[in-house]
Amino acid sequence: MKHFFRLPETMQTMGDCGAFTYVNQDVPPYRVEDVIEFYETSRFNYGVSLDHIIFGYEKPGESFSGEVLAECRRRQDITLTLAQDFLVKSQKSCFTPFGVAHGWNKASYRQSVEALLAMGYKNITMGGMVPLKTAQILETLEEIKPLLKSDTRVHLLGIARPESFTDFIRLGVTSIDSTTPLQQAFKDRKNNYHTPEGRAYTAVRVPQFDANPSLSRKIKSGVIDQDVARLLEKDAMHALVEYDKDALSLEKVLEAVMAYERLHSGEKEAEKIRADYERTLADQPWRKCQCNICKSIGINVIIFRGAERNRRRGFHNIQVLYSRLQHTLSLRSED
């Protein structure tokens, strides 16, 4: 895998089973042997045991019962049984095994962690927490903290939450993973470009008129004139480039961008996003960023257009997340 993605040998990798993809199935669709073979073939440094996600987390004053509780327990039992099998069968593998803890409240998560530690796991992943509120995650981590030994490592699956980094570290978390910064670059309506201060900006949408499905349909149906679309798209891109060279005013670039926005989004939607575009263009956050992407492609990093630009903005966001984590760690070391 490192060879395929051209990763440096010093970069450590972790594999898991993507349990959210089969959450609606009665049992996981893989065998423990299949998972181990995949991790071995991919040469991961760490491998997460095969698991089955539990639906829901009890709210204050709520207790699951009946069929709901029975299903939670069934999935927890499946996960723990598979974890035991995984630990035994992966003893001679190239990766370090992590056992997954699942639960539906802090007490059941504690039971899972206790069981995994009793099996001999030194590395625990807290699974199924992506939908949970931060307060629920923190109360669960508080609950399992007394169980952790000096050599126990705790990984949060799919959780970043930079505002809680200090609490995570205090409660024994040693690593995290999250695709949220990457996905927000092109899936979120507004929070596309992240900054170390925690502020987020809206990327300026300039879709390719002949590659955007919605715009193409309007052109083919005659709602939008193709030549007009081509001209307004060209004007918007040119204005953004010139603005980045300080050759065009904020008012002029916003005028060009909004002319194209009104064409492909409609008057009503365009007006809703105008203030966000103005804020992005006025603050010019890409100029303040020291990451290689912002330094190399400039204003292109905040242009929502094509997979290449959107991916690079996602990589910028991941770098920002990493920088925020490093900053938190440096503050703790000073203390």
Foldseek 3Di string as FASTA:
>chain_A
DCVVVVNDPVDAFEDEDPQVVCQVDPADPDALVVQLVVCQVVVHQEYEFHAHAQPAAADVPDDDDDPNVVSQVVRQVRQLVRQLVNCVVCVPGNYQYEREFYHRALVSSLVRVVSNVVSPHQEYEYPPCQVPDPVRVLVSLVSNQVVHDPSREYEYEADQPLVCLLSCVVSRHDYYDHLVLLCLLAPPQAQNFAALVGDGAAFQELEDCCPDPQNVVCCVVPVDPPVVLVVLSVQLVVLLVCVQVVNDDLVSNLVSSLVNCCVRPNDVVSVVCSVRVSVCSVVQVLVVDDDPLSVPPPSLCRYNYDPVSSSSSSVNSVVSSVVSSVVSVVVVVVD
